[in-house]
């Protein structure tokens, strides 16, 4: 997935203790910051009612701008002023679509698991 988008996906498994943290710790010594307690800090609510399921957030790669094309409403472009054009993001080279992300995720998904996908 990282090869496709250039960013590392964020994965959260509600049945995995390392992803959910805890309300408190049983350590008899002070816990270093970022370890043990996670309520209101990191992670999310855990649940054993969601076995073999995880939530994945994938960020699209940044889209390059269009060179030498001024933005609408600037001094260089607008109604009856300057030169501008309508441009669709699908016209950009190597644009990653939602379908590309979904297809790649379905190919690497383990058997009998459910992935809840969010694309940002």
N, C-alpha and C. Protein backbone atom coordinates (compact mmCIF):
# COMPACT_ATOMS: atom_id res chain seq x y z
N UNK A 1 0.82 -1.19 0.00
CA UNK A 1 0.00 0.00 0.00
C UNK A 1 0.87 1.26 0.00
N UNK A 2 1.97 1.16 0.74
CA UNK A 2 2.89 2.30 0.81
C UNK A 2 3.53 2.58 -0.56
N UNK A 3 3.77 1.53 -1.33
CA UNK A 3 4.33 1.73 -2.67
C UNK A 3 3.34 2.44 -3.59
N UNK A 4 2.05 2.19 -3.40
CA UNK A 4 1.03 2.79 -4.24
C UNK A 4 0.80 4.25 -3.90
N UNK A 5 0.70 4.56 -2.61
CA UNK A 5 0.33 5.92 -2.21
C UNK A 5 1.51 6.77 -1.75
N UNK A 6 2.61 6.14 -1.37
CA UNK A 6 3.74 6.89 -0.87
C UNK A 6 3.63 7.24 0.61
N UNK A 7 2.56 6.82 1.25
CA UNK A 7 2.37 7.06 2.68
C UNK A 7 2.05 5.75 3.38
N UNK A 8 2.41 5.67 4.64
CA UNK A 8 2.15 4.46 5.42
C UNK A 8 0.70 4.49 5.92
N UNK A 9 -0.06 3.42 5.71
CA UNK A 9 -1.45 3.41 6.20
C UNK A 9 -1.49 3.32 7.73
N UNK A 10 -2.53 3.91 8.31
CA UNK A 10 -2.76 3.79 9.76
C UNK A 10 -3.76 2.65 9.96
N UNK A 11 -3.37 1.67 10.78
CA UNK A 11 -4.20 0.49 11.00
C UNK A 11 -4.56 0.42 12.47
N UNK A 12 -5.85 0.21 12.74
CA UNK A 12 -6.35 0.08 14.10
C UNK A 12 -7.16 -1.20 14.21
N UNK A 13 -6.73 -2.09 15.10
CA UNK A 13 -7.46 -3.33 15.35
C UNK A 13 -8.10 -3.23 16.73
N UNK A 14 -9.43 -3.22 16.82
CA UNK A 14 -10.09 -3.06 18.11
C UNK A 14 -9.89 -4.24 19.06
N UNK A 15 -9.50 -5.41 18.54
CA UNK A 15 -9.28 -6.57 19.41
C UNK A 15 -7.81 -6.71 19.79
N UNK A 16 -6.98 -5.76 19.41
CA UNK A 16 -5.54 -5.83 19.71
C UNK A 16 -5.22 -4.83 20.82
N UNK A 17 -4.78 -5.33 21.94
CA UNK A 17 -4.52 -4.48 23.11
C UNK A 17 -3.51 -3.39 22.83
N UNK A 18 -2.52 -3.67 22.00
CA UNK A 18 -1.50 -2.67 21.69
C UNK A 18 -2.08 -1.47 20.95
N UNK A 19 -3.19 -1.65 20.25
CA UNK A 19 -3.81 -0.55 19.53
C UNK A 19 -4.78 0.24 20.40
N UNK A 20 -5.31 -0.38 21.44
CA UNK A 20 -6.35 0.27 22.23
C UNK A 20 -5.84 0.89 23.52
N UNK A 21 -4.75 0.39 24.06
CA UNK A 21 -4.26 0.92 25.34
C UNK A 21 -5.12 0.44 26.48
N UNK A 22 -5.13 1.22 27.57
CA UNK A 22 -5.86 0.81 28.76
C UNK A 22 -6.25 2.03 29.57
N UNK A 23 -7.12 1.83 30.56
CA UNK A 23 -7.48 2.91 31.48
C UNK A 23 -6.35 3.16 32.47
N UNK A 24 -5.68 2.13 32.87
CA UNK A 24 -4.65 2.25 33.89
C UNK A 24 -3.57 1.20 33.65
N UNK A 25 -2.64 1.13 34.54
CA UNK A 25 -1.55 0.17 34.42
C UNK A 25 -1.41 -0.60 35.73
N UNK A 26 -0.86 -1.79 35.65
CA UNK A 26 -0.63 -2.59 36.84
C UNK A 26 0.83 -2.53 37.27
N UNK A 27 1.61 -1.68 36.61
CA UNK A 27 3.03 -1.56 36.93
C UNK A 27 3.20 -0.98 38.34
N UNK A 28 4.17 -1.51 39.07
CA UNK A 28 4.42 -1.00 40.41
C UNK A 28 5.43 0.14 40.40
N UNK A 29 5.90 0.53 39.22
CA UNK A 29 6.79 1.67 39.08
C UNK A 29 6.16 2.66 38.11
N UNK A 30 6.59 3.92 38.15
CA UNK A 30 6.04 4.90 37.21
C UNK A 30 6.22 4.45 35.76
N UNK A 31 5.21 4.69 34.97
CA UNK A 31 5.21 4.28 33.57
C UNK A 31 5.72 5.46 32.73
N UNK A 32 6.64 5.21 31.81
CA UNK A 32 7.14 6.30 30.95
C UNK A 32 6.00 6.89 30.12
N UNK A 33 6.10 8.16 29.77
CA UNK A 33 5.06 8.77 28.93
C UNK A 33 4.85 7.98 27.64
N UNK A 34 3.60 7.81 27.25
CA UNK A 34 3.27 7.09 26.03
C UNK A 34 3.12 5.60 26.21
N UNK A 35 3.29 5.08 27.43
CA UNK A 35 3.15 3.65 27.67
C UNK A 35 2.05 3.43 28.71
N UNK A 36 1.35 2.33 28.59
CA UNK A 36 0.34 1.98 29.58
C UNK A 36 -0.97 2.67 29.35
N UNK A 37 -1.16 3.80 29.95
CA UNK A 37 -2.42 4.53 29.90
C UNK A 37 -2.62 5.14 28.53
N UNK A 38 -3.77 4.92 27.91
CA UNK A 38 -4.01 5.47 26.59
C UNK A 38 -5.35 6.20 26.51
N UNK A 39 -6.14 6.18 27.56
CA UNK A 39 -7.46 6.81 27.51
C UNK A 39 -7.31 8.30 27.24
N UNK A 40 -7.91 8.76 26.16
CA UNK A 40 -7.84 10.16 25.81
C UNK A 40 -6.51 10.58 25.21
N UNK A 41 -5.60 9.63 24.94
CA UNK A 41 -4.29 9.98 24.43
C UNK A 41 -4.09 9.39 23.03
N UNK A 42 -4.16 8.08 22.89
CA UNK A 42 -3.95 7.42 21.60
C UNK A 42 -4.95 6.28 21.46
N UNK A 43 -4.99 5.72 20.26
CA UNK A 43 -5.82 4.54 20.03
C UNK A 43 -7.30 4.84 19.97
N UNK A 44 -8.08 3.82 20.22
CA UNK A 44 -9.52 3.94 20.19
C UNK A 44 -10.13 2.92 21.14
N UNK A 45 -11.42 2.84 21.13
CA UNK A 45 -12.11 1.88 22.00
C UNK A 45 -11.88 0.48 21.48
N UNK A 46 -11.48 -0.39 22.37
CA UNK A 46 -11.28 -1.79 22.02
C UNK A 46 -12.57 -2.57 22.11
N UNK A 47 -12.63 -3.66 21.38
CA UNK A 47 -13.80 -4.52 21.42
C UNK A 47 -13.42 -5.92 20.93
N UNK A 48 -13.78 -6.90 21.73
CA UNK A 48 -13.59 -8.28 21.30
C UNK A 48 -14.75 -8.77 20.45
N UNK A 49 -15.77 -7.91 20.26
CA UNK A 49 -16.90 -8.24 19.41
C UNK A 49 -16.60 -8.01 17.93
N UNK A 50 -15.39 -7.55 17.62
CA UNK A 50 -15.00 -7.33 16.23
C UNK A 50 -13.78 -8.19 15.89
N UNK A 51 -13.90 -9.51 16.01
CA UNK A 51 -12.73 -10.34 15.71
C UNK A 51 -12.42 -10.32 14.21
N UNK A 52 -11.15 -10.38 13.90
CA UNK A 52 -10.69 -10.44 12.51
C UNK A 52 -11.13 -9.23 11.69
N UNK A 53 -11.30 -8.09 12.36
CA UNK A 53 -11.66 -6.86 11.68
C UNK A 53 -10.68 -5.77 12.07
N UNK A 54 -10.44 -4.86 11.14
CA UNK A 54 -9.57 -3.73 11.45
C UNK A 54 -10.00 -2.53 10.62
N UNK A 55 -9.58 -1.38 11.08
CA UNK A 55 -9.87 -0.12 10.41
C UNK A 55 -8.55 0.39 9.83
N UNK A 56 -8.58 0.75 8.57
CA UNK A 56 -7.37 1.25 7.91
C UNK A 56 -7.67 2.61 7.29
N UNK A 57 -6.79 3.56 7.56
CA UNK A 57 -6.90 4.89 6.98
C UNK A 57 -5.72 5.09 6.04
N UNK A 58 -6.04 5.39 4.80
CA UNK A 58 -5.01 5.55 3.78
C UNK A 58 -5.10 6.98 3.25
N UNK A 59 -3.96 7.62 3.18
CA UNK A 59 -3.90 8.99 2.68
C UNK A 59 -3.44 8.96 1.23
N UNK A 60 -4.21 9.64 0.39
CA UNK A 60 -3.84 9.73 -1.02
C UNK A 60 -2.52 10.49 -1.15
N UNK A 61 -1.76 10.21 -2.19
CA UNK A 61 -0.54 10.99 -2.40
C UNK A 61 -0.90 12.42 -2.77
N UNK A 62 -0.02 13.36 -2.43
CA UNK A 62 -0.33 14.75 -2.80
C UNK A 62 -0.39 14.90 -4.31
N UNK A 63 -1.31 15.70 -4.78
CA UNK A 63 -1.43 15.91 -6.21
C UNK A 63 -0.58 17.11 -6.61
N UNK A 64 0.14 16.97 -7.69
CA UNK A 64 0.95 18.10 -8.14
C UNK A 64 0.05 19.19 -8.72
N UNK A 65 0.52 20.38 -8.67
CA UNK A 65 -0.23 21.48 -9.27
C UNK A 65 -0.07 21.46 -10.78
N UNK A 66 -0.74 22.37 -11.42
CA UNK A 66 -0.67 22.49 -12.87
C UNK A 66 0.18 23.71 -13.17
N UNK A 67 1.33 23.51 -13.75
CA UNK A 67 2.25 24.60 -14.02
C UNK A 67 1.72 25.58 -15.05
N UNK A 68 2.04 26.84 -14.82
CA UNK A 68 1.71 27.93 -15.73
C UNK A 68 0.21 28.11 -15.95
N UNK A 69 -0.59 27.69 -15.00
CA UNK A 69 -2.03 27.88 -15.10
C UNK A 69 -2.48 28.61 -13.83
N UNK A 70 -2.84 29.87 -13.93
CA UNK A 70 -3.17 30.63 -12.73
C UNK A 70 -4.49 30.17 -12.11
N UNK A 71 -4.63 30.37 -10.83
CA UNK A 71 -5.85 30.01 -10.14
C UNK A 71 -6.98 30.96 -10.47
N UNK A 72 -8.19 30.47 -10.37
CA UNK A 72 -9.37 31.28 -10.69
C UNK A 72 -9.51 32.41 -9.68
N UNK A 73 -9.84 33.59 -10.16
CA UNK A 73 -10.05 34.72 -9.28
C UNK A 73 -8.78 35.47 -8.91
N UNK A 74 -7.64 35.06 -9.44
CA UNK A 74 -6.40 35.77 -9.18
C UNK A 74 -6.28 36.93 -10.18
N UNK A 75 -5.27 37.74 -10.01
CA UNK A 75 -5.07 38.87 -10.92
C UNK A 75 -4.78 38.40 -12.34
N UNK A 76 -4.25 37.20 -12.48
CA UNK A 76 -3.87 36.70 -13.80
C UNK A 76 -4.99 35.94 -14.49
N UNK A 77 -6.10 35.67 -13.80
CA UNK A 77 -7.16 34.88 -14.41
C UNK A 77 -8.51 35.28 -13.83
N UNK A 78 -9.53 35.11 -14.59
CA UNK A 78 -10.90 35.39 -14.17
C UNK A 78 -11.76 35.59 -15.40
N UNK A 79 -13.01 36.02 -15.19
CA UNK A 79 -13.88 36.29 -16.34
C UNK A 79 -13.30 37.44 -17.15
N UNK A 80 -13.15 37.23 -18.43
CA UNK A 80 -12.67 38.24 -19.37
C UNK A 80 -11.32 38.83 -18.99
N UNK A 81 -10.51 38.08 -18.23
CA UNK A 81 -9.19 38.59 -17.86
C UNK A 81 -8.20 37.44 -17.84
N UNK A 82 -7.10 37.63 -18.54
CA UNK A 82 -6.04 36.62 -18.50
C UNK A 82 -6.43 35.34 -19.20
N UNK A 83 -5.59 34.35 -19.02
CA UNK A 83 -5.87 33.05 -19.64
C UNK A 83 -5.93 32.00 -18.54
N UNK A 84 -6.96 31.22 -18.57
CA UNK A 84 -7.12 30.13 -17.60
C UNK A 84 -7.83 28.98 -18.30
N UNK A 85 -8.00 27.87 -17.60
CA UNK A 85 -8.66 26.72 -18.19
C UNK A 85 -9.28 25.88 -17.08
N UNK A 86 -10.30 25.15 -17.44
CA UNK A 86 -10.87 24.18 -16.50
C UNK A 86 -10.00 22.94 -16.57
N UNK A 87 -9.71 22.38 -15.41
CA UNK A 87 -8.81 21.25 -15.36
C UNK A 87 -9.35 20.23 -14.39
N UNK A 88 -9.42 18.98 -14.81
CA UNK A 88 -9.90 17.89 -13.97
C UNK A 88 -8.71 17.16 -13.39
N UNK A 89 -8.76 16.81 -12.07
CA UNK A 89 -7.65 16.12 -11.44
C UNK A 89 -7.33 14.78 -12.09
N UNK A 90 -8.32 14.18 -12.76
CA UNK A 90 -8.05 12.91 -13.43
C UNK A 90 -7.12 13.07 -14.62
N UNK A 91 -6.90 14.30 -15.06
CA UNK A 91 -6.02 14.55 -16.18
C UNK A 91 -4.55 14.58 -15.75
N UNK A 92 -4.29 14.59 -14.44
CA UNK A 92 -2.92 14.60 -13.96
C UNK A 92 -2.29 13.22 -14.14
N UNK A 93 -1.00 13.18 -14.42
CA UNK A 93 -0.34 11.88 -14.60
C UNK A 93 -0.22 11.13 -13.28
N UNK A 94 -0.28 9.82 -13.35
CA UNK A 94 -0.12 8.89 -12.22
C UNK A 94 -1.01 9.23 -11.03
N UNK A 95 -2.25 9.56 -11.29
CA UNK A 95 -3.21 9.84 -10.24
C UNK A 95 -3.72 8.53 -9.66
N UNK A 96 -3.68 8.37 -8.34
CA UNK A 96 -4.15 7.15 -7.67
C UNK A 96 -5.64 7.33 -7.39
N UNK A 97 -6.45 6.42 -7.89
CA UNK A 97 -7.89 6.50 -7.69
C UNK A 97 -8.31 5.68 -6.47
N UNK A 98 -9.53 5.91 -6.01
CA UNK A 98 -10.07 5.12 -4.91
C UNK A 98 -10.12 3.63 -5.28
N UNK A 99 -10.44 3.35 -6.53
CA UNK A 99 -10.51 1.97 -6.99
C UNK A 99 -9.13 1.30 -6.93
N UNK A 100 -8.07 2.06 -7.27
CA UNK A 100 -6.71 1.51 -7.16
C UNK A 100 -6.40 1.12 -5.72
N UNK A 101 -6.78 1.98 -4.79
CA UNK A 101 -6.52 1.71 -3.37
C UNK A 101 -7.33 0.50 -2.91
N UNK A 102 -8.61 0.44 -3.27
CA UNK A 102 -9.46 -0.67 -2.88
C UNK A 102 -8.97 -1.99 -3.47
N UNK A 103 -8.58 -1.98 -4.74
CA UNK A 103 -8.07 -3.20 -5.38
C UNK A 103 -6.80 -3.69 -4.71
N UNK A 104 -5.89 -2.77 -4.41
CA UNK A 104 -4.64 -3.15 -3.76
C UNK A 104 -4.90 -3.71 -2.37
N UNK A 105 -5.79 -3.08 -1.62
CA UNK A 105 -6.12 -3.57 -0.28
C UNK A 105 -6.74 -4.95 -0.34
N UNK A 106 -7.64 -5.19 -1.29
CA UNK A 106 -8.28 -6.51 -1.38
C UNK A 106 -7.28 -7.60 -1.75
N UNK A 107 -6.22 -7.25 -2.45
CA UNK A 107 -5.20 -8.24 -2.83
C UNK A 107 -4.30 -8.63 -1.66
N UNK A 108 -4.12 -7.73 -0.69
CA UNK A 108 -3.22 -8.03 0.44
C UNK A 108 -3.99 -8.38 1.71
N UNK A 109 -5.30 -8.38 1.64
CA UNK A 109 -6.14 -8.66 2.80
C UNK A 109 -6.07 -10.14 3.18
N UNK A 110 -5.79 -10.46 4.44
CA UNK A 110 -5.79 -11.87 4.85
C UNK A 110 -7.17 -12.51 4.69
N UNK A 111 -7.20 -13.81 4.54
CA UNK A 111 -8.44 -14.55 4.37
C UNK A 111 -9.30 -14.41 5.63
N UNK A 112 -10.61 -14.31 5.45
CA UNK A 112 -11.60 -14.24 6.54
C UNK A 112 -11.42 -13.02 7.43
N UNK A 113 -10.96 -11.92 6.87
CA UNK A 113 -10.87 -10.68 7.64
C UNK A 113 -11.72 -9.61 6.97
N UNK A 114 -12.07 -8.61 7.74
CA UNK A 114 -12.85 -7.48 7.25
C UNK A 114 -12.03 -6.22 7.47
N UNK A 115 -11.85 -5.45 6.42
CA UNK A 115 -11.14 -4.17 6.52
C UNK A 115 -12.14 -3.05 6.30
N UNK A 116 -12.21 -2.12 7.23
CA UNK A 116 -13.03 -0.93 7.11
C UNK A 116 -12.10 0.17 6.61
N UNK A 117 -12.35 0.68 5.41
CA UNK A 117 -11.42 1.57 4.74
C UNK A 117 -11.88 3.01 4.78
N UNK A 118 -10.94 3.89 5.14
CA UNK A 118 -11.17 5.34 5.06
C UNK A 118 -10.04 5.91 4.21
N UNK A 119 -10.41 6.66 3.17
CA UNK A 119 -9.41 7.27 2.31
C UNK A 119 -9.48 8.78 2.53
N UNK A 120 -8.32 9.34 2.89
CA UNK A 120 -8.28 10.79 3.14
C UNK A 120 -7.43 11.49 2.12
